[in-house]
PDB file of N, CA and C in Angstrom:
ATOM      1  N   MET A   1       1.002  -1.408   0.271  1.00  0.00           N
ATOM      2  CA  MET A   1      -0.141  -0.155  -0.128  1.00  0.00           C
ATOM      3  C   MET A   1       0.949   1.376   0.045  1.00  0.00           C
ATOM      4  N   GLU A   2       0.231   2.296  -0.610  1.00  0.00           N
ATOM      5  CA  GLU A   2       0.846   3.234  -0.679  1.00  0.00           C
ATOM      6  C   GLU A   2       0.346   4.900   0.003  1.00  0.00           C
ATOM      7  N   SER A   3       1.061   5.656   0.092  1.00  0.00           N
ATOM      8  CA  SER A   3       0.418   6.785   0.745  1.00  0.00           C
ATOM      9  C   SER A   3       1.414   7.999  -0.022  1.00  0.00           C
ATOM     10  N   HIS A   4       0.590   9.105  -0.178  1.00  0.00           N
ATOM     11  CA  HIS A   4       1.398  10.546  -0.743  1.00  0.00           C
ATOM     12  C   HIS A   4       1.150  11.545   0.153  1.00  0.00           C
ATOM     13  N   ALA A   5       2.023  12.507   0.297  1.00  0.00           N
ATOM     14  CA  ALA A   5       1.384  14.031   0.540  1.00  0.00           C
ATOM     15  C   ALA A   5       2.387  14.930  -0.321  1.00  0.00           C
ATOM     16  N   ARG A   6       1.962  15.736   0.014  1.00  0.00           N
ATOM     17  CA  ARG A   6       2.695  17.435  -0.783  1.00  0.00           C
ATOM     18  C   ARG A   6       2.372  18.265   0.554  1.00  0.00           C
ATOM     19  N   VAL A   7       3.822  18.857   0.929  1.00  0.00           N
ATOM     20  CA  VAL A   7       3.634  19.602   1.988  1.00  0.00           C
ATOM     21  C   VAL A   7       4.354  21.028   1.240  1.00  0.00           C
ATOM     22  N   ALA A   8       3.876  21.930   1.532  1.00  0.00           N
ATOM     23  CA  ALA A   8       4.244  23.295   1.276  1.00  0.00           C
ATOM     24  C   ALA A   8       4.838  23.454   2.130  1.00  0.00           C
ATOM     25  N   THR A   9       5.994  24.077   1.434  1.00  0.00           N
ATOM     26  CA  THR A   9       7.512  24.788   2.081  1.00  0.00           C
ATOM     27  C   THR A   9       8.423  25.010   1.435  1.00  0.00           C
ATOM     28  N   ASP A  10       8.809  26.327   1.510  1.00  0.00           N
ATOM     29  CA  ASP A  10      10.125  26.986   0.966  1.00  0.00           C
ATOM     30  C   ASP A  10      11.517  25.941   1.209  1.00  0.00           C
ATOM     31  N   LYS A  11      11.334  25.031   1.925  1.00  0.00           N
ATOM     32  CA  LYS A  11      12.836  25.036   2.855  1.00  0.00           C
ATOM     33  C   LYS A  11      12.616  23.155   3.024  1.00  0.00           C
ATOM     34  N   ALA A  12      11.942  22.500   1.322  1.00  0.00           N
ATOM     35  CA  ALA A  12      11.997  21.377   1.170  1.00  0.00           C
ATOM     36  C   ALA A  12      13.710  20.749   1.277  1.00  0.00           C
ATOM     37  N   ALA A  13      14.422  21.134   0.272  1.00  0.00           N
ATOM     38  CA  ALA A  13      15.630  20.827   0.368  1.00  0.00           C
ATOM     39  C   ALA A  13      15.563  20.597   1.760  1.00  0.00           C
ATOM     40  N   ARG A  14      16.121  21.588   2.919  1.00  0.00           N
ATOM     41  CA  ARG A  14      16.893  21.528   3.722  1.00  0.00           C
ATOM     42  C   ARG A  14      15.800  20.746   4.482  1.00  0.00           C
ATOM     43  N   TYR A  15      15.123  20.663   4.994  1.00  0.00           N
ATOM     44  CA  TYR A  15      14.238  19.616   5.647  1.00  0.00           C
ATOM     45  C   TYR A  15      14.492  17.782   5.303  1.00  0.00           C
ATOM     46  N   MET A  16      14.517  17.792   3.676  1.00  0.00           N
ATOM     47  CA  MET A  16      14.621  16.423   3.557  1.00  0.00           C
ATOM     48  C   MET A  16      15.939  15.993   3.692  1.00  0.00           C
ATOM     49  N   ILE A  17      16.905  16.985   3.313  1.00  0.00           N
ATOM     50  CA  ILE A  17      18.602  16.577   3.583  1.00  0.00           C
ATOM     51  C   ILE A  17      19.147  16.501   5.274  1.00  0.00           C
ATOM     52  N   GLN A  18      17.545  17.195   6.300  1.00  0.00           N
ATOM     53  CA  GLN A  18      18.265  17.291   7.529  1.00  0.00           C
ATOM     54  C   GLN A  18      17.934  15.626   7.802  1.00  0.00           C
ATOM     55  N   LEU A  19      16.772  15.125   7.585  1.00  0.00           N
ATOM     56  CA  LEU A  19      15.834  14.167   7.849  1.00  0.00           C
ATOM     57  C   LEU A  19      16.730  12.894   6.940  1.00  0.00           C
ATOM     58  N   ALA A  20      17.244  13.132   6.205  1.00  0.00           N
ATOM     59  CA  ALA A  20      18.247  11.846   5.802  1.00  0.00           C
ATOM     60  C   ALA A  20      19.060  11.967   6.115  1.00  0.00           C
ATOM     61  N   LYS A  21      20.524  12.939   6.673  1.00  0.00           N
ATOM     62  CA  LYS A  21      20.956  13.066   7.573  1.00  0.00           C
ATOM     63  C   LYS A  21      21.117  12.006   9.241  1.00  0.00           C
ATOM     64  N   HIS A  22      19.975  12.808   9.361  1.00  0.00           N
ATOM     65  CA  HIS A  22      19.193  12.129  10.688  1.00  0.00           C
ATOM     66  C   HIS A  22      18.853  10.465  10.962  1.00  0.00           C
ATOM     67  N   TRP A  23      18.480   9.706   9.808  1.00  0.00           N
ATOM     68  CA  TRP A  23      18.527   8.492   9.565  1.00  0.00           C
ATOM     69  C   TRP A  23      19.574   7.729   8.829  1.00  0.00           C
ATOM     70  N   SER A  24      20.304   8.733   8.322  1.00  0.00           N
ATOM     71  CA  SER A  24      21.402   7.861   7.808  1.00  0.00           C
ATOM     72  C   SER A  24      22.004   7.048   9.003  1.00  0.00           C
ATOM     73  N   HIS A  25      22.275   7.385  10.311  1.00  0.00           N
ATOM     74  CA  HIS A  25      22.931   6.833  11.262  1.00  0.00           C
ATOM     75  C   HIS A  25      22.407   5.763  11.608  1.00  0.00           C
ATOM     76  N   LYS A  26      21.273   5.277  11.073  1.00  0.00           N
ATOM     77  CA  LYS A  26      20.194   4.008  11.601  1.00  0.00           C
ATOM     78  C   LYS A  26      20.299   3.279  10.554  1.00  0.00           C
ATOM     79  N   PHE A  27      19.975   3.616   9.244  1.00  0.00           N
ATOM     80  CA  PHE A  27      18.981   3.252   7.881  1.00  0.00           C
ATOM     81  C   PHE A  27      20.338   3.363   6.278  1.00  0.00           C
ATOM     82  N   ASP A  28      20.300   2.400   5.670  1.00  0.00           N
ATOM     83  CA  ASP A  28      21.013   2.850   4.816  1.00  0.00           C
ATOM     84  C   ASP A  28      20.217   3.562   3.581  1.00  0.00           C
ATOM     85  N   VAL A  29      19.847   4.789   3.887  1.00  0.00           N
ATOM     86  CA  VAL A  29      19.643   6.176   3.459  1.00  0.00           C
ATOM     87  C   VAL A  29      20.431   6.771   1.983  1.00  0.00           C
ATOM     88  N   ARG A  30      20.023   6.417   0.893  1.00  0.00           N
ATOM     89  CA  ARG A  30      20.156   7.562  -0.080  1.00  0.00           C
ATOM     90  C   ARG A  30      20.124   8.931  -0.440  1.00  0.00           C
ATOM     91  N   TYR A  31      20.825  10.218  -0.619  1.00  0.00           N
ATOM     92  CA  TYR A  31      19.863  10.907  -0.877  1.00  0.00           C
ATOM     93  C   TYR A  31      21.113  11.559  -1.693  1.00  0.00           C
ATOM     94  N   ASP A  32      20.254  12.677  -1.753  1.00  0.00           N
ATOM     95  CA  ASP A  32      21.129  13.993  -2.832  1.00  0.00           C
ATOM     96  C   ASP A  32      20.346  15.487  -2.627  1.00  0.00           C
ATOM     97  N   ASP A  33      20.918  16.266  -3.479  1.00  0.00           N
ATOM     98  CA  ASP A  33      19.995  17.616  -3.057  1.00  0.00           C
ATOM     99  C   ASP A  33      18.525  17.644  -3.647  1.00  0.00           C
ATOM    100  N   THR A  34      18.044  16.922  -4.547  1.00  0.00           N
ATOM    101  CA  THR A  34      16.482  17.003  -4.528  1.00  0.00           C
ATOM    102  C   THR A  34      15.425  15.728  -4.367  1.00  0.00           C
ATOM    103  N   SER A  35      16.299  14.851  -3.786  1.00  0.00           N
ATOM    104  CA  SER A  35      15.426  13.558  -3.966  1.00  0.00           C
ATOM    105  C   SER A  35      16.609  12.474  -2.665  1.00  0.00           C
ATOM    106  N   ALA A  36      15.467  11.545  -1.922  1.00  0.00           N
ATOM    107  CA  ALA A  36      15.929  10.888  -0.279  1.00  0.00           C
ATOM    108  C   ALA A  36      14.892   9.483  -0.974  1.00  0.00           C
ATOM    109  N   ASP A  37      15.487   8.636  -0.267  1.00  0.00           N
ATOM    110  CA  ASP A  37      15.035   7.267  -0.322  1.00  0.00           C
ATOM    111  C   ASP A  37      15.510   6.948   1.328  1.00  0.00           C
ATOM    112  N   PHE A  38      14.390   6.309   1.747  1.00  0.00           N
ATOM    113  CA  PHE A  38      14.505   5.877   3.701  1.00  0.00           C
ATOM    114  C   PHE A  38      13.789   4.786   3.267  1.00  0.00           C
ATOM    115  N   PRO A  39      15.043   3.240   3.351  1.00  0.00           N
ATOM    116  CA  PRO A  39      13.990   2.286   3.719  1.00  0.00           C
ATOM    117  C   PRO A  39      14.331   2.058   5.035  1.00  0.00           C
ATOM    118  N   LEU A  40      12.545   1.939   5.703  1.00  0.00           N
ATOM    119  CA  LEU A  40      12.788   2.107   7.196  1.00  0.00           C
ATOM    120  C   LEU A  40      12.096   0.745   8.063  1.00  0.00           C
ATOM    121  N   PRO A  41      12.400   0.324   9.150  1.00  0.00           N
ATOM    122  CA  PRO A  41      11.663  -1.588   9.232  1.00  0.00           C
ATOM    123  C   PRO A  41      10.356  -1.173   8.825  1.00  0.00           C
ATOM    124  N   LEU A  42       9.550  -0.068   8.933  1.00  0.00           N
ATOM    125  CA  LEU A  42       7.750  -0.166   8.923  1.00  0.00           C
ATOM    126  C   LEU A  42       7.467   0.121   7.688  1.00  0.00           C
ATOM    127  N   GLY A  43       8.958   0.250   6.536  1.00  0.00           N
ATOM    128  CA  GLY A  43       8.308   0.407   5.362  1.00  0.00           C
ATOM    129  C   GLY A  43       9.266   1.285   4.138  1.00  0.00           C
ATOM    130  N   LEU A  44       9.154   1.422   3.338  1.00  0.00           N
ATOM    131  CA  LEU A  44       9.853   2.746   2.706  1.00  0.00           C
ATOM    132  C   LEU A  44       9.349   4.280   2.444  1.00  0.00           C
ATOM    133  N   CYS A  45      10.214   4.930   2.393  1.00  0.00           N
ATOM    134  CA  CYS A  45       9.861   6.152   2.353  1.00  0.00           C
ATOM    135  C   CYS A  45      10.884   7.293   1.070  1.00  0.00           C
ATOM    136  N   ARG A  46       9.994   7.787   0.347  1.00  0.00           N
ATOM    137  CA  ARG A  46      10.635   8.475  -1.118  1.00  0.00           C
ATOM    138  C   ARG A  46      10.455  10.063  -0.872  1.00  0.00           C
ATOM    139  N   MET A  47      11.317  10.961  -1.090  1.00  0.00           N
ATOM    140  CA  MET A  47      10.995  11.816  -1.304  1.00  0.00           C
ATOM    141  C   MET A  47      11.732  13.012  -2.183  1.00  0.00           C
ATOM    142  N   THR A  48      11.158  13.900  -2.741  1.00  0.00           N
ATOM    143  CA  THR A  48      11.433  15.001  -3.994  1.00  0.00           C
ATOM    144  C   THR A  48      11.077  16.437  -3.414  1.00  0.00           C
ATOM    145  N   ALA A  49      12.026  16.968  -3.213  1.00  0.00           N
ATOM    146  CA  ALA A  49      12.080  18.504  -2.581  1.00  0.00           C
ATOM    147  C   ALA A  49      11.949  19.091  -4.024  1.00  0.00           C
ATOM    148  N   HIS A  50      11.122  20.380  -4.103  1.00  0.00           N
ATOM    149  CA  HIS A  50      10.622  21.466  -4.983  1.00  0.00           C
ATOM    150  C   HIS A  50      11.484  22.682  -4.338  1.00  0.00           C
ATOM    151  N   ALA A  51      11.149  23.438  -5.490  1.00  0.00           N
ATOM    152  CA  ALA A  51      10.957  25.047  -4.369  1.00  0.00           C
ATOM    153  C   ALA A  51      10.235  25.415  -3.927  1.00  0.00           C
ATOM    154  N   ASP A  52       8.366  24.665  -4.020  1.00  0.00           N
ATOM    155  CA  ASP A  52       7.896  25.267  -2.932  1.00  0.00           C
ATOM    156  C   ASP A  52       7.121  24.143  -2.390  1.00  0.00           C
ATOM    157  N   GLY A  53       7.633  23.200  -2.324  1.00  0.00           N
ATOM    158  CA  GLY A  53       7.006  22.204  -1.302  1.00  0.00           C
ATOM    159  C   GLY A  53       7.585  20.635  -1.519  1.00  0.00           C
ATOM    160  N   LEU A  54       7.328  19.927  -1.030  1.00  0.00           N
ATOM    161  CA  LEU A  54       8.114  18.763  -0.381  1.00  0.00           C
ATOM    162  C   LEU A  54       7.065  17.366  -0.818  1.00  0.00           C
ATOM    163  N   ASP A  55       7.062  16.588  -1.908  1.00  0.00           N
ATOM    164  CA  ASP A  55       6.544  15.625  -2.450  1.00  0.00           C
ATOM    165  C   ASP A  55       6.813  14.220  -1.656  1.00  0.00           C
ATOM    166  N   ILE A  56       6.005  13.553  -1.081  1.00  0.00           N
ATOM    167  CA  ILE A  56       6.545  11.802   0.158  1.00  0.00           C
ATOM    168  C   ILE A  56       5.684  11.319  -0.750  1.00  0.00           C
ATOM    169  N   THR A  57       6.455   9.940  -0.368  1.00  0.00           N
ATOM    170  CA  THR A  57       5.662   8.599  -0.582  1.00  0.00           C
ATOM    171  C   THR A  57       5.761   7.857   0.110  1.00  0.00           C
ATOM    172  N   VAL A  58       5.393   6.919   1.103  1.00  0.00           N
ATOM    173  CA  VAL A  58       5.512   5.970   1.528  1.00  0.00           C
ATOM    174  C   VAL A  58       4.740   4.869   1.466  1.00  0.00           C
ATOM    175  N   GLU A  59       5.562   3.577   1.595  1.00  0.00           N
ATOM    176  CA  GLU A  59       4.802   2.500   1.393  1.00  0.00           C
ATOM    177  C   GLU A  59       4.852   1.082   2.562  1.00  0.00           C
ATOM    178  N   ALA A  60       4.051   1.123   2.447  1.00  0.00           N
ATOM    179  CA  ALA A  60       4.101  -0.307   3.565  1.00  0.00           C
ATOM    180  C   ALA A  60       2.839  -1.372   3.593  1.00  0.00           C
ATOM    181  N   ALA A  61       3.254  -2.671   4.593  1.00  0.00           N
ATOM    182  CA  ALA A  61       2.731  -3.604   3.726  1.00  0.00           C
ATOM    183  C   ALA A  61       0.812  -3.739   4.162  1.00  0.00           C
ATOM    184  N   ASP A  62       0.867  -2.982   5.237  1.00  0.00           N
ATOM    185  CA  ASP A  62      -0.969  -2.726   5.813  1.00  0.00           C
ATOM    186  C   ASP A  62      -1.081  -1.775   5.920  1.00  0.00           C
ATOM    187  N   GLN A  63      -2.586  -0.929   6.262  1.00  0.00           N
ATOM    188  CA  GLN A  63      -3.280   0.195   6.346  1.00  0.00           C
ATOM    189  C   GLN A  63      -2.127   0.950   7.775  1.00  0.00           C
ATOM    190  N   GLU A  64      -2.061  -0.576   9.043  1.00  0.00           N
ATOM    191  CA  GLU A  64      -1.938  -0.171  10.349  1.00  0.00           C
ATOM    192  C   GLU A  64      -0.206   0.577   9.849  1.00  0.00           C
ATOM    193  N   GLY A  65       0.126  -0.074   9.156  1.00  0.00           N
ATOM    194  CA  GLY A  65       1.782  -0.280   9.378  1.00  0.00           C
ATOM    195  C   GLY A  65       2.159   1.378   8.610  1.00  0.00           C
ATOM    196  N   LEU A  66       1.141   1.616   7.606  1.00  0.00           N
ATOM    197  CA  LEU A  66       0.992   2.880   6.608  1.00  0.00           C
ATOM    198  C   LEU A  66       0.763   4.141   7.659  1.00  0.00           C
ATOM    199  N   ALA A  67      -0.392   4.045   8.653  1.00  0.00           N
ATOM    200  CA  ALA A  67      -0.755   5.433   8.775  1.00  0.00           C
ATOM    201  C   ALA A  67       0.350   5.618  10.124  1.00  0.00           C
ATOM    202  N   ARG A  68       0.889   4.224  10.304  1.00  0.00           N
ATOM    203  CA  ARG A  68       2.402   4.787  11.137  1.00  0.00           C
ATOM    204  C   ARG A  68       3.417   5.263  10.528  1.00  0.00           C
ATOM    205  N   LEU A  69       3.684   5.074   9.568  1.00  0.00           N
ATOM    206  CA  LEU A  69       4.779   5.371   8.719  1.00  0.00           C
ATOM    207  C   LEU A  69       4.361   6.641   8.416  1.00  0.00           C
ATOM    208  N   GLU A  70       3.256   7.233   8.202  1.00  0.00           N
ATOM    209  CA  GLU A  70       2.828   8.702   7.888  1.00  0.00           C
ATOM    210  C   GLU A  70       3.353   9.152   9.006  1.00  0.00           C
ATOM    211  N   ASP A  71       2.784   8.890  10.189  1.00  0.00           N
ATOM    212  CA  ASP A  71       2.995   9.376  11.734  1.00  0.00           C
ATOM    213  C   ASP A  71       4.493  10.143  11.843  1.00  0.00           C
ATOM    214  N   VAL A  72       5.316   8.829  11.762  1.00  0.00           N
ATOM    215  CA  VAL A  72       6.510   9.075  11.740  1.00  0.00           C
ATOM    216  C   VAL A  72       7.095   9.974  11.240  1.00  0.00           C
ATOM    217  N   VAL A  73       6.965   9.562   9.718  1.00  0.00           N
ATOM    218  CA  VAL A  73       7.335  11.355   8.773  1.00  0.00           C
ATOM    219  C   VAL A  73       7.179  12.131   9.045  1.00  0.00           C
ATOM    220  N   ALA A  74       5.926  12.171   9.261  1.00  0.00           N
ATOM    221  CA  ALA A  74       5.408  13.692   9.950  1.00  0.00           C
ATOM    222  C   ALA A  74       6.300  14.140  10.958  1.00  0.00           C
ATOM    223  N   LYS A  75       5.961  13.613  12.140  1.00  0.00           N
ATOM    224  CA  LYS A  75       6.753  13.862  13.420  1.00  0.00           C
ATOM    225  C   LYS A  75       8.273  14.341  13.032  1.00  0.00           C
ATOM    226  N   HIS A  76       9.106  13.554  12.466  1.00  0.00           N
ATOM    227  CA  HIS A  76      10.077  13.926  11.882  1.00  0.00           C
ATOM    228  C   HIS A  76      10.366  15.295  11.336  1.00  0.00           C
ATOM    229  N   LEU A  77       9.540  15.163  10.363  1.00  0.00           N
ATOM    230  CA  LEU A  77       9.944  16.520   9.630  1.00  0.00           C
ATOM    231  C   LEU A  77       9.461  17.692  10.534  1.00  0.00           C
ATOM    232  N   ASP A  78       8.280  17.416  10.868  1.00  0.00           N
ATOM    233  CA  ASP A  78       8.216  18.316  11.734  1.00  0.00           C
ATOM    234  C   ASP A  78       8.710  19.026  13.031  1.00  0.00           C
ATOM    235  N   ARG A  79       9.753  18.495  13.599  1.00  0.00           N
ATOM    236  CA  ARG A  79      11.064  18.467  14.209  1.00  0.00           C
ATOM    237  C   ARG A  79      11.905  19.704  13.471  1.00  0.00           C
ATOM    238  N   PHE A  80      12.490  19.412  12.428  1.00  0.00           N
ATOM    239  CA  PHE A  80      13.137  20.348  12.026  1.00  0.00           C
ATOM    240  C   PHE A  80      12.321  21.302  11.397  1.00  0.00           C
ATOM    241  N   ALA A  81      11.012  21.319  11.341  1.00  0.00           N
ATOM    242  CA  ALA A  81      10.410  22.503  10.879  1.00  0.00           C
ATOM    243  C   ALA A  81       9.639  23.533  11.796  1.00  0.00           C
ATOM    244  N   PHE A  82      10.784  23.513  12.968  1.00  0.00           N
ATOM    245  CA  PHE A  82       9.559  23.669  14.206  1.00  0.00           C
ATOM    246  C   PHE A  82       9.265  25.365  14.141  1.00  0.00           C
ATOM    247  N   ARG A  83      10.151  25.673  13.342  1.00  0.00           N
ATOM    248  CA  ARG A  83      10.041  27.526  13.187  1.00  0.00           C
ATOM    249  C   ARG A  83       8.406  27.762  12.604  1.00  0.00           C
ATOM    250  N   GLU A  84       8.770  27.133  11.500  1.00  0.00           N
ATOM    251  CA  GLU A  84       7.398  27.410  10.653  1.00  0.00           C
ATOM    252  C   GLU A  84       6.177  26.784  10.782  1.00  0.00           C
ATOM    253  N   GLY A  85       6.172  25.960  12.541  1.00  0.00           N
ATOM    254  CA  GLY A  85       5.372  25.705  13.174  1.00  0.00           C
ATOM    255  C   GLY A  85       5.176  23.938  12.394  1.00  0.00           C
ATOM    256  N   GLU A  86       3.853  23.930  13.080  1.00  0.00           N
ATOM    257  CA  GLU A  86       3.010  22.352  12.239  1.00  0.00           C
ATOM    258  C   GLU A  86       2.683  22.184  10.613  1.00  0.00           C
ATOM    259  N   LEU A  87       3.580  21.747  10.171  1.00  0.00           N
ATOM    260  CA  LEU A  87       3.501  21.495   8.821  1.00  0.00           C
ATOM    261  C   LEU A  87       2.253  20.357   8.414  1.00  0.00           C
ATOM    262  N   LYS A  88       1.542  21.048   6.768  1.00  0.00           N
ATOM    263  CA  LYS A  88       0.417  20.477   6.738  1.00  0.00           C
ATOM    264  C   LYS A  88       0.681  19.315   5.747  1.00  0.00           C
ATOM    265  N   TYR A  89      -0.346  17.907   6.567  1.00  0.00           N
ATOM    266  CA  TYR A  89       0.287  16.692   5.252  1.00  0.00           C
ATOM    267  C   TYR A  89      -1.301  16.432   5.043  1.00  0.00           C
ATOM    268  N   GLY A  90      -1.398  16.797   3.653  1.00  0.00           N
ATOM    269  CA  GLY A  90      -2.506  16.112   3.053  1.00  0.00           C
ATOM    270  C   GLY A  90      -2.478  14.306   2.816  1.00  0.00           C
ATOM    271  N   TRP A  91      -2.566  12.927   3.237  1.00  0.00           N
ATOM    272  CA  TRP A  91      -2.282  12.181   2.978  1.00  0.00           C
ATOM    273  C   TRP A  91      -2.940  11.634   2.169  1.00  0.00           C
ATOM    274  N   THR A  92      -3.229  11.250   1.010  1.00  0.00           N
ATOM    275  CA  THR A  92      -3.737   9.960   0.192  1.00  0.00           C
ATOM    276  C   THR A  92      -3.281   9.302  -0.616  1.00  0.00           C
ATOM    277  N   ARG A  93      -4.206   8.358  -0.282  1.00  0.00           N
ATOM    278  CA  ARG A  93      -4.227   6.357   0.077  1.00  0.00           C
ATOM    279  C   ARG A  93      -3.808   6.257  -1.142  1.00  0.00           C
ATOM    280  N   ALA A  94      -3.291   5.502  -1.924  1.00  0.00           N
ATOM    281  CA  ALA A  94      -3.609   4.318  -3.306  1.00  0.00           C
ATOM    282  C   ALA A  94      -3.400   2.933  -2.668  1.00  0.00           C
ATOM    283  N   TRP A  95      -4.313   2.185  -3.273  1.00  0.00           N
ATOM    284  CA  TRP A  95      -4.538   0.973  -3.254  1.00  0.00           C
ATOM    285  C   TRP A  95      -4.073   0.310  -4.088  1.00  0.00           C
ATOM    286  N   PRO A  96      -3.902  -1.301  -3.802  1.00  0.00           N
ATOM    287  CA  PRO A  96      -3.173  -1.311  -4.927  1.00  0.00           C
ATOM    288  C   PRO A  96      -3.533  -2.113  -6.077  1.00  0.00           C
ATOM    289  N   ALA A  97      -4.827  -1.773  -6.385  1.00  0.00           N
ATOM    290  CA  ALA A  97      -5.380  -1.408  -7.886  1.00  0.00           C
ATOM    291  C   ALA A  97      -4.972  -0.696  -8.506  1.00  0.00           C
ATOM    292  N   GLY A  98      -3.699   0.556  -7.961  1.00  0.00           N
ATOM    293  CA  GLY A  98      -3.824   1.757  -8.283  1.00  0.00           C
ATOM    294  C   GLY A  98      -5.093   2.788  -8.320  1.00  0.00           C
ATOM    295  N   GLY A  99      -5.764   2.622  -7.812  1.00  0.00           N
ATOM    296  CA  GLY A  99      -6.797   3.713  -7.969  1.00  0.00           C
ATOM    297  C   GLY A  99      -6.445   4.745  -6.547  1.00  0.00           C
ATOM    298  N   LEU A 100      -7.385   5.553  -6.155  1.00  0.00           N
ATOM    299  CA  LEU A 100      -7.429   6.144  -5.004  1.00  0.00           C
ATOM    300  C   LEU A 100      -8.914   6.375  -4.133  1.00  0.00           C
ATOM    301  N   ASP A 101      -8.910   6.393  -3.524  1.00  0.00           N
ATOM    302  CA  ASP A 101      -9.714   6.285  -2.129  1.00  0.00           C
ATOM    303  C   ASP A 101      -9.915   7.258  -1.740  1.00  0.00           C
ATOM    304  N   PRO A 102     -10.592   8.653  -1.929  1.00  0.00           N
ATOM    305  CA  PRO A 102     -10.693   9.605  -1.108  1.00  0.00           C
ATOM    306  C   PRO A 102     -11.306   9.753   0.059  1.00  0.00           C
ATOM    307  N   ARG A 103     -12.240   8.762   0.771  1.00  0.00           N
ATOM    308  CA  ARG A 103     -12.091   7.977   2.160  1.00  0.00           C
ATOM    309  C   ARG A 103     -11.139   7.968   2.866  1.00  0.00           C
ATOM    310  N   ALA A 104      -9.924   7.674   1.921  1.00  0.00           N
ATOM    311  CA  ALA A 104      -8.916   6.874   2.971  1.00  0.00           C
ATOM    312  C   ALA A 104      -8.035   8.269   2.892  1.00  0.00           C
ATOM    313  N   ILE A 105      -8.323   9.448   3.128  1.00  0.00           N
ATOM    314  CA  ILE A 105      -7.354  10.879   2.806  1.00  0.00           C
ATOM    315  C   ILE A 105      -7.104  11.258   4.590  1.00  0.00           C
ATOM    316  N   ARG A 106      -6.397  11.681   4.614  1.00  0.00           N
ATOM    317  CA  ARG A 106      -6.021  11.559   6.496  1.00  0.00           C
ATOM    318  C   ARG A 106      -4.954  12.854   6.406  1.00  0.00           C
ATOM    319  N   ILE A 107      -5.595  13.953   7.139  1.00  0.00           N
ATOM    320  CA  ILE A 107      -5.119  14.834   7.160  1.00  0.00           C
ATOM    321  C   ILE A 107      -4.220  15.012   8.847  1.00  0.00           C
ATOM    322  N   ASN A 108      -3.102  15.683   8.285  1.00  0.00           N
ATOM    323  CA  ASN A 108      -2.357  15.685  10.057  1.00  0.00           C
ATOM    324  C   ASN A 108      -2.666  14.909  10.959  1.00  0.00           C
ATOM    325  N   GLY A 109      -2.447  13.603  10.783  1.00  0.00           N
ATOM    326  CA  GLY A 109      -2.558  12.640  11.884  1.00  0.00           C
ATOM    327  C   GLY A 109      -4.334  11.830  12.143  1.00  0.00           C
ATOM    328  N   SER A 110      -5.117  12.601  11.404  1.00  0.00           N
ATOM    329  CA  SER A 110      -6.176  12.176  11.713  1.00  0.00           C
ATOM    330  C   SER A 110      -6.714  11.386  11.158  1.00  0.00           C
ATOM    331  N   ALA A 111      -8.074  10.403  11.313  1.00  0.00           N
ATOM    332  CA  ALA A 111      -8.173   9.002  10.868  1.00  0.00           C
ATOM    333  C   ALA A 111      -8.744   9.057   9.657  1.00  0.00           C
ATOM    334  N   PRO A 112      -8.442   7.836   8.537  1.00  0.00           N
ATOM    335  CA  PRO A 112      -9.106   7.694   7.224  1.00  0.00           C
ATOM    336  C   PRO A 112     -10.606   8.067   7.645  1.00  0.00           C
ATOM    337  N   ARG A 113     -11.381   9.108   6.660  1.00  0.00           N
ATOM    338  CA  ARG A 113     -12.917   9.400   6.389  1.00  0.00           C
ATOM    339  C   ARG A 113     -13.128   8.030   5.638  1.00  0.00           C
ATOM    340  N   THR A 114     -14.670   7.448   6.591  1.00  0.00           N
ATOM    341  CA  THR A 114     -15.431   6.601   6.251  1.00  0.00           C
ATOM    342  C   THR A 114     -16.624   6.787   5.774  1.00  0.00           C
TER     343      THR A 114
END
């Protein structure tokens, strides 16, 4: 299962690189100035930094793992972005068949809509 979020910030590359350096002490992180891959115990996280925002994709085996991974990534990024306040994450879940289910959208840690 996959989930995607676009976080609006003009410091996307900075936050992504800070997170990559932070997690590289424990995990085999690969990153450059515009993208990062984080293989984590809960699943995989990929990020792409743009001038106006950060694209995030997380993958996990099930919905519970996906929700936990979304929260872990958001909490870590929020720690680096403390001067901006809490960032806004509009998580959109992609189902294995490739379709999106609007009821599965999570906003800042809220439960999926049903």
